[in-house]
Amino acid sequence: MTLPPHVTDRAFARLAEIAEATGQSRPLRVAVEGGGCSGFHYDIKLDDPAPDDLVLEKEGLKVLVDSVSLPFLAGAVIDFTDELIGARFVVENPNATSSCGCGTSFSI
């Protein structure tokens, strides 16, 4: 059985901050798409759910992963980081064999 992705408390907390600031709670979609300097890249955005999405939920906050991206994100950790270079959602992916310097592009 494949492990689903895990969403950290820090990522859910950031989603709560976004919902409070905007006055609406929209799910965060984490998808894998072809392209990028290493072959694949992450597409992370607020989006509406689709029927085939895996929904990871905590206290009404949702993170969505589509069925095509799910095998690429098996066992991954979806987190939020706020560092000197910027604040962003990040994916720690055990399936990636290499990644580029920006951290959004990877290969399997």
N, C-alpha and C. Protein backbone atom coordinates (compact mmCIF):
# COMPACT_ATOMS: atom_id res chain seq x y z
N MET A 1 0.85 -1.19 0.00
CA MET A 1 0.00 0.00 0.00
C MET A 1 0.89 1.25 0.00
N THR A 2 0.54 2.22 -0.80
CA THR A 2 1.29 3.46 -0.93
C THR A 2 0.88 4.44 0.17
N LEU A 3 1.88 5.04 0.80
CA LEU A 3 1.61 6.04 1.83
C LEU A 3 1.13 7.33 1.18
N PRO A 4 0.06 7.92 1.72
CA PRO A 4 -0.38 9.21 1.18
C PRO A 4 0.58 10.31 1.64
N PRO A 5 0.53 11.46 1.01
CA PRO A 5 1.34 12.58 1.50
C PRO A 5 0.89 13.00 2.90
N HIS A 6 1.78 13.62 3.62
CA HIS A 6 1.49 14.14 4.96
C HIS A 6 1.57 15.66 4.91
N VAL A 7 0.63 16.33 5.56
CA VAL A 7 0.63 17.78 5.64
C VAL A 7 0.98 18.17 7.08
N THR A 8 1.97 19.04 7.22
CA THR A 8 2.40 19.44 8.56
C THR A 8 1.42 20.42 9.20
N ASP A 9 1.51 20.52 10.52
CA ASP A 9 0.70 21.49 11.25
C ASP A 9 1.03 22.92 10.79
N ARG A 10 2.29 23.15 10.47
CA ARG A 10 2.71 24.49 10.00
C ARG A 10 2.02 24.85 8.69
N ALA A 11 1.86 23.89 7.78
CA ALA A 11 1.18 24.15 6.51
C ALA A 11 -0.31 24.42 6.75
N PHE A 12 -0.93 23.63 7.63
CA PHE A 12 -2.34 23.90 7.94
C PHE A 12 -2.50 25.25 8.62
N ALA A 13 -1.55 25.63 9.48
CA ALA A 13 -1.63 26.93 10.15
C ALA A 13 -1.56 28.06 9.14
N ARG A 14 -0.71 27.91 8.13
CA ARG A 14 -0.62 28.95 7.09
C ARG A 14 -1.92 29.02 6.30
N LEU A 15 -2.53 27.87 6.01
CA LEU A 15 -3.83 27.88 5.33
C LEU A 15 -4.88 28.61 6.16
N ALA A 16 -4.83 28.43 7.47
CA ALA A 16 -5.76 29.13 8.36
C ALA A 16 -5.52 30.64 8.30
N GLU A 17 -4.26 31.06 8.25
CA GLU A 17 -3.93 32.48 8.14
C GLU A 17 -4.44 33.06 6.82
N ILE A 18 -4.29 32.31 5.75
CA ILE A 18 -4.78 32.76 4.44
C ILE A 18 -6.30 32.90 4.47
N ALA A 19 -6.98 31.91 5.06
CA ALA A 19 -8.44 31.95 5.14
C ALA A 19 -8.91 33.16 5.95
N GLU A 20 -8.21 33.44 7.04
CA GLU A 20 -8.58 34.58 7.87
C GLU A 20 -8.36 35.90 7.13
N ALA A 21 -7.24 35.99 6.43
CA ALA A 21 -6.91 37.23 5.71
C ALA A 21 -7.85 37.49 4.54
N THR A 22 -8.29 36.43 3.86
CA THR A 22 -9.13 36.59 2.68
C THR A 22 -10.62 36.50 2.99
N GLY A 23 -10.95 35.97 4.16
CA GLY A 23 -12.35 35.81 4.51
C GLY A 23 -13.01 34.60 3.88
N GLN A 24 -12.21 33.74 3.28
CA GLN A 24 -12.75 32.50 2.70
C GLN A 24 -11.72 31.39 2.84
N SER A 25 -12.21 30.18 3.01
CA SER A 25 -11.32 29.03 3.16
C SER A 25 -11.37 28.21 1.87
N ARG A 26 -10.28 28.29 1.10
CA ARG A 26 -10.19 27.49 -0.13
C ARG A 26 -9.12 26.44 0.06
N PRO A 27 -9.32 25.26 -0.49
CA PRO A 27 -8.31 24.21 -0.37
C PRO A 27 -7.03 24.56 -1.12
N LEU A 28 -5.94 24.01 -0.61
CA LEU A 28 -4.64 24.13 -1.27
C LEU A 28 -4.44 22.90 -2.13
N ARG A 29 -4.18 23.10 -3.42
CA ARG A 29 -3.91 21.99 -4.33
C ARG A 29 -2.40 21.85 -4.51
N VAL A 30 -1.92 20.61 -4.34
CA VAL A 30 -0.52 20.29 -4.62
C VAL A 30 -0.54 19.27 -5.74
N ALA A 31 0.01 19.65 -6.89
CA ALA A 31 0.00 18.79 -8.07
C ALA A 31 1.42 18.67 -8.63
N VAL A 32 1.63 17.62 -9.38
CA VAL A 32 2.89 17.40 -10.08
C VAL A 32 2.60 17.50 -11.57
N GLU A 33 3.38 18.33 -12.26
CA GLU A 33 3.21 18.51 -13.70
C GLU A 33 4.53 18.29 -14.40
N GLY A 34 4.48 17.92 -15.67
CA GLY A 34 5.68 17.78 -16.47
C GLY A 34 6.29 19.13 -16.75
N GLY A 35 7.61 19.16 -16.87
CA GLY A 35 8.29 20.42 -17.17
C GLY A 35 9.22 20.79 -16.04
N GLY A 36 9.77 21.96 -16.14
CA GLY A 36 10.75 22.38 -15.14
C GLY A 36 12.13 21.91 -15.55
N CYS A 37 13.13 22.44 -14.90
CA CYS A 37 14.50 22.13 -15.33
C CYS A 37 14.92 20.71 -14.98
N SER A 38 14.18 20.00 -14.12
CA SER A 38 14.55 18.63 -13.76
C SER A 38 13.57 17.59 -14.26
N GLY A 39 12.54 17.98 -14.99
CA GLY A 39 11.61 17.01 -15.56
C GLY A 39 10.18 17.16 -15.07
N PHE A 40 10.00 17.40 -13.76
CA PHE A 40 8.68 17.62 -13.18
C PHE A 40 8.76 18.87 -12.32
N HIS A 41 7.60 19.46 -12.06
CA HIS A 41 7.56 20.58 -11.12
C HIS A 41 6.26 20.54 -10.33
N TYR A 42 6.29 21.16 -9.16
CA TYR A 42 5.12 21.23 -8.31
C TYR A 42 4.29 22.45 -8.70
N ASP A 43 3.00 22.26 -8.75
CA ASP A 43 2.06 23.35 -8.95
C ASP A 43 1.24 23.44 -7.66
N ILE A 44 1.44 24.51 -6.92
CA ILE A 44 0.79 24.68 -5.62
C ILE A 44 -0.04 25.95 -5.68
N LYS A 45 -1.36 25.78 -5.48
CA LYS A 45 -2.26 26.93 -5.59
C LYS A 45 -3.54 26.66 -4.82
N LEU A 46 -4.28 27.71 -4.53
CA LEU A 46 -5.61 27.56 -3.97
C LEU A 46 -6.55 27.17 -5.11
N ASP A 47 -7.39 26.17 -4.86
CA ASP A 47 -8.21 25.64 -5.95
C ASP A 47 -9.46 24.97 -5.37
N ASP A 48 -10.39 24.65 -6.23
CA ASP A 48 -11.59 23.94 -5.83
C ASP A 48 -11.38 22.44 -5.99
N PRO A 49 -12.03 21.64 -5.15
CA PRO A 49 -11.86 20.18 -5.25
C PRO A 49 -12.48 19.60 -6.52
N ALA A 50 -11.90 18.50 -6.95
CA ALA A 50 -12.42 17.71 -8.07
C ALA A 50 -12.83 16.34 -7.52
N PRO A 51 -13.69 15.63 -8.24
CA PRO A 51 -14.20 14.35 -7.72
C PRO A 51 -13.13 13.30 -7.41
N ASP A 52 -12.01 13.30 -8.16
CA ASP A 52 -11.00 12.25 -7.96
C ASP A 52 -9.86 12.67 -7.02
N ASP A 53 -10.00 13.80 -6.32
CA ASP A 53 -8.95 14.29 -5.44
C ASP A 53 -8.86 13.49 -4.15
N LEU A 54 -7.65 13.30 -3.67
CA LEU A 54 -7.42 12.88 -2.30
C LEU A 54 -7.52 14.16 -1.47
N VAL A 55 -8.32 14.14 -0.41
CA VAL A 55 -8.49 15.32 0.43
C VAL A 55 -7.85 15.03 1.78
N LEU A 56 -6.85 15.82 2.13
CA LEU A 56 -6.20 15.75 3.44
C LEU A 56 -6.74 16.92 4.24
N GLU A 57 -7.35 16.64 5.39
CA GLU A 57 -8.10 17.67 6.09
C GLU A 57 -7.76 17.71 7.56
N LYS A 58 -7.75 18.94 8.09
CA LYS A 58 -7.57 19.15 9.53
C LYS A 58 -8.38 20.39 9.92
N GLU A 59 -9.29 20.19 10.83
CA GLU A 59 -10.11 21.29 11.36
C GLU A 59 -10.75 22.13 10.26
N GLY A 60 -11.27 21.46 9.22
CA GLY A 60 -11.95 22.13 8.13
C GLY A 60 -11.06 22.68 7.04
N LEU A 61 -9.75 22.67 7.25
CA LEU A 61 -8.79 23.12 6.22
C LEU A 61 -8.42 21.93 5.36
N LYS A 62 -8.29 22.15 4.06
CA LYS A 62 -8.09 21.02 3.14
C LYS A 62 -6.90 21.23 2.23
N VAL A 63 -6.20 20.12 1.98
CA VAL A 63 -5.15 20.05 0.96
C VAL A 63 -5.58 18.98 -0.02
N LEU A 64 -5.52 19.30 -1.31
CA LEU A 64 -5.97 18.40 -2.37
C LEU A 64 -4.79 17.85 -3.17
N VAL A 65 -4.88 16.57 -3.53
CA VAL A 65 -3.90 15.96 -4.43
C VAL A 65 -4.70 15.18 -5.46
N ASP A 66 -4.51 15.49 -6.74
CA ASP A 66 -5.25 14.78 -7.79
C ASP A 66 -4.71 13.37 -7.97
N SER A 67 -5.50 12.51 -8.58
CA SER A 67 -5.14 11.10 -8.71
C SER A 67 -3.90 10.87 -9.58
N VAL A 68 -3.63 11.74 -10.53
CA VAL A 68 -2.45 11.60 -11.39
C VAL A 68 -1.18 11.94 -10.60
N SER A 69 -1.25 12.94 -9.74
CA SER A 69 -0.09 13.37 -8.96
C SER A 69 0.19 12.47 -7.77
N LEU A 70 -0.81 11.76 -7.29
CA LEU A 70 -0.67 10.98 -6.07
C LEU A 70 0.50 10.01 -6.07
N PRO A 71 0.75 9.23 -7.12
CA PRO A 71 1.90 8.32 -7.09
C PRO A 71 3.24 9.05 -6.96
N PHE A 72 3.34 10.24 -7.52
CA PHE A 72 4.57 11.02 -7.44
C PHE A 72 4.79 11.61 -6.04
N LEU A 73 3.70 11.74 -5.28
CA LEU A 73 3.76 12.38 -3.96
C LEU A 73 3.60 11.38 -2.82
N ALA A 74 3.67 10.08 -3.13
CA ALA A 74 3.53 9.06 -2.09
C ALA A 74 4.59 9.24 -1.02
N GLY A 75 4.15 9.36 0.22
CA GLY A 75 5.06 9.52 1.34
C GLY A 75 5.69 10.90 1.48
N ALA A 76 5.30 11.84 0.64
CA ALA A 76 5.88 13.19 0.68
C ALA A 76 5.33 13.97 1.89
N VAL A 77 6.06 15.00 2.27
CA VAL A 77 5.63 15.90 3.35
C VAL A 77 5.40 17.28 2.74
N ILE A 78 4.20 17.80 2.93
CA ILE A 78 3.84 19.13 2.46
C ILE A 78 3.95 20.06 3.66
N ASP A 79 4.79 21.07 3.55
CA ASP A 79 5.11 21.93 4.68
C ASP A 79 5.04 23.39 4.24
N PHE A 80 5.18 24.29 5.19
CA PHE A 80 5.28 25.71 4.90
C PHE A 80 6.54 26.22 5.57
N THR A 81 7.33 26.99 4.84
CA THR A 81 8.57 27.52 5.39
C THR A 81 8.59 29.03 5.22
N ASP A 82 9.15 29.70 6.19
CA ASP A 82 9.29 31.15 6.15
C ASP A 82 10.75 31.44 6.46
N GLU A 83 11.54 31.63 5.40
CA GLU A 83 12.98 31.81 5.54
C GLU A 83 13.38 33.15 4.95
N LEU A 84 14.64 33.46 5.06
CA LEU A 84 15.17 34.70 4.54
C LEU A 84 14.90 34.85 3.04
N ILE A 85 14.93 33.73 2.30
CA ILE A 85 14.71 33.79 0.85
C ILE A 85 13.23 33.88 0.49
N GLY A 86 12.34 33.74 1.48
CA GLY A 86 10.92 33.89 1.21
C GLY A 86 10.08 32.86 1.95
N ALA A 87 8.80 33.09 1.97
CA ALA A 87 7.84 32.19 2.59
C ALA A 87 7.11 31.44 1.49
N ARG A 88 6.95 30.12 1.68
CA ARG A 88 6.28 29.33 0.64
C ARG A 88 5.93 27.95 1.15
N PHE A 89 4.99 27.33 0.47
CA PHE A 89 4.71 25.92 0.71
C PHE A 89 5.81 25.12 0.00
N VAL A 90 6.28 24.06 0.65
CA VAL A 90 7.33 23.23 0.10
C VAL A 90 6.92 21.77 0.17
N VAL A 91 7.53 20.95 -0.68
CA VAL A 91 7.28 19.52 -0.69
C VAL A 91 8.60 18.80 -0.47
N GLU A 92 8.65 18.00 0.57
CA GLU A 92 9.80 17.12 0.81
C GLU A 92 9.39 15.76 0.26
N ASN A 93 9.96 15.41 -0.88
CA ASN A 93 9.49 14.25 -1.64
C ASN A 93 10.53 13.14 -1.63
N PRO A 94 10.25 12.00 -0.96
CA PRO A 94 11.21 10.90 -0.93
C PRO A 94 11.36 10.19 -2.28
N ASN A 95 10.47 10.47 -3.22
CA ASN A 95 10.52 9.84 -4.54
C ASN A 95 11.44 10.59 -5.51
N ALA A 96 11.81 11.83 -5.18
CA ALA A 96 12.65 12.64 -6.06
C ALA A 96 14.09 12.16 -5.96
N THR A 97 14.68 11.90 -7.11
CA THR A 97 16.09 11.48 -7.13
C THR A 97 17.02 12.67 -7.28
N SER A 98 16.51 13.78 -7.77
CA SER A 98 17.28 15.02 -7.85
C SER A 98 16.31 16.19 -7.94
N SER A 99 16.81 17.37 -7.63
CA SER A 99 15.98 18.56 -7.74
C SER A 99 16.87 19.73 -8.13
N CYS A 100 16.23 20.80 -8.59
CA CYS A 100 16.98 21.98 -8.97
C CYS A 100 17.13 22.89 -7.75
N GLY A 101 17.87 23.93 -7.90
CA GLY A 101 18.14 24.84 -6.80
C GLY A 101 16.92 25.55 -6.25
N CYS A 102 15.91 25.75 -7.07
CA CYS A 102 14.73 26.47 -6.60
C CYS A 102 13.83 25.59 -5.74
N GLY A 103 14.00 24.28 -5.82
CA GLY A 103 13.21 23.38 -5.00
C GLY A 103 11.83 23.07 -5.53
N THR A 104 11.46 23.59 -6.69
CA THR A 104 10.13 23.31 -7.24
C THR A 104 10.18 22.33 -8.41
N SER A 105 11.37 22.03 -8.89
CA SER A 105 11.52 21.12 -10.02
C SER A 105 12.33 19.90 -9.55
N PHE A 106 11.93 18.72 -10.03
CA PHE A 106 12.58 17.50 -9.56
C PHE A 106 12.50 16.41 -10.63
N SER A 107 13.26 15.35 -10.44
CA SER A 107 13.16 14.17 -11.30
C SER A 107 12.96 12.95 -10.44
N ILE A 108 12.45 11.89 -11.08
CA ILE A 108 12.17 10.64 -10.37
C ILE A 108 13.01 9.54 -10.98
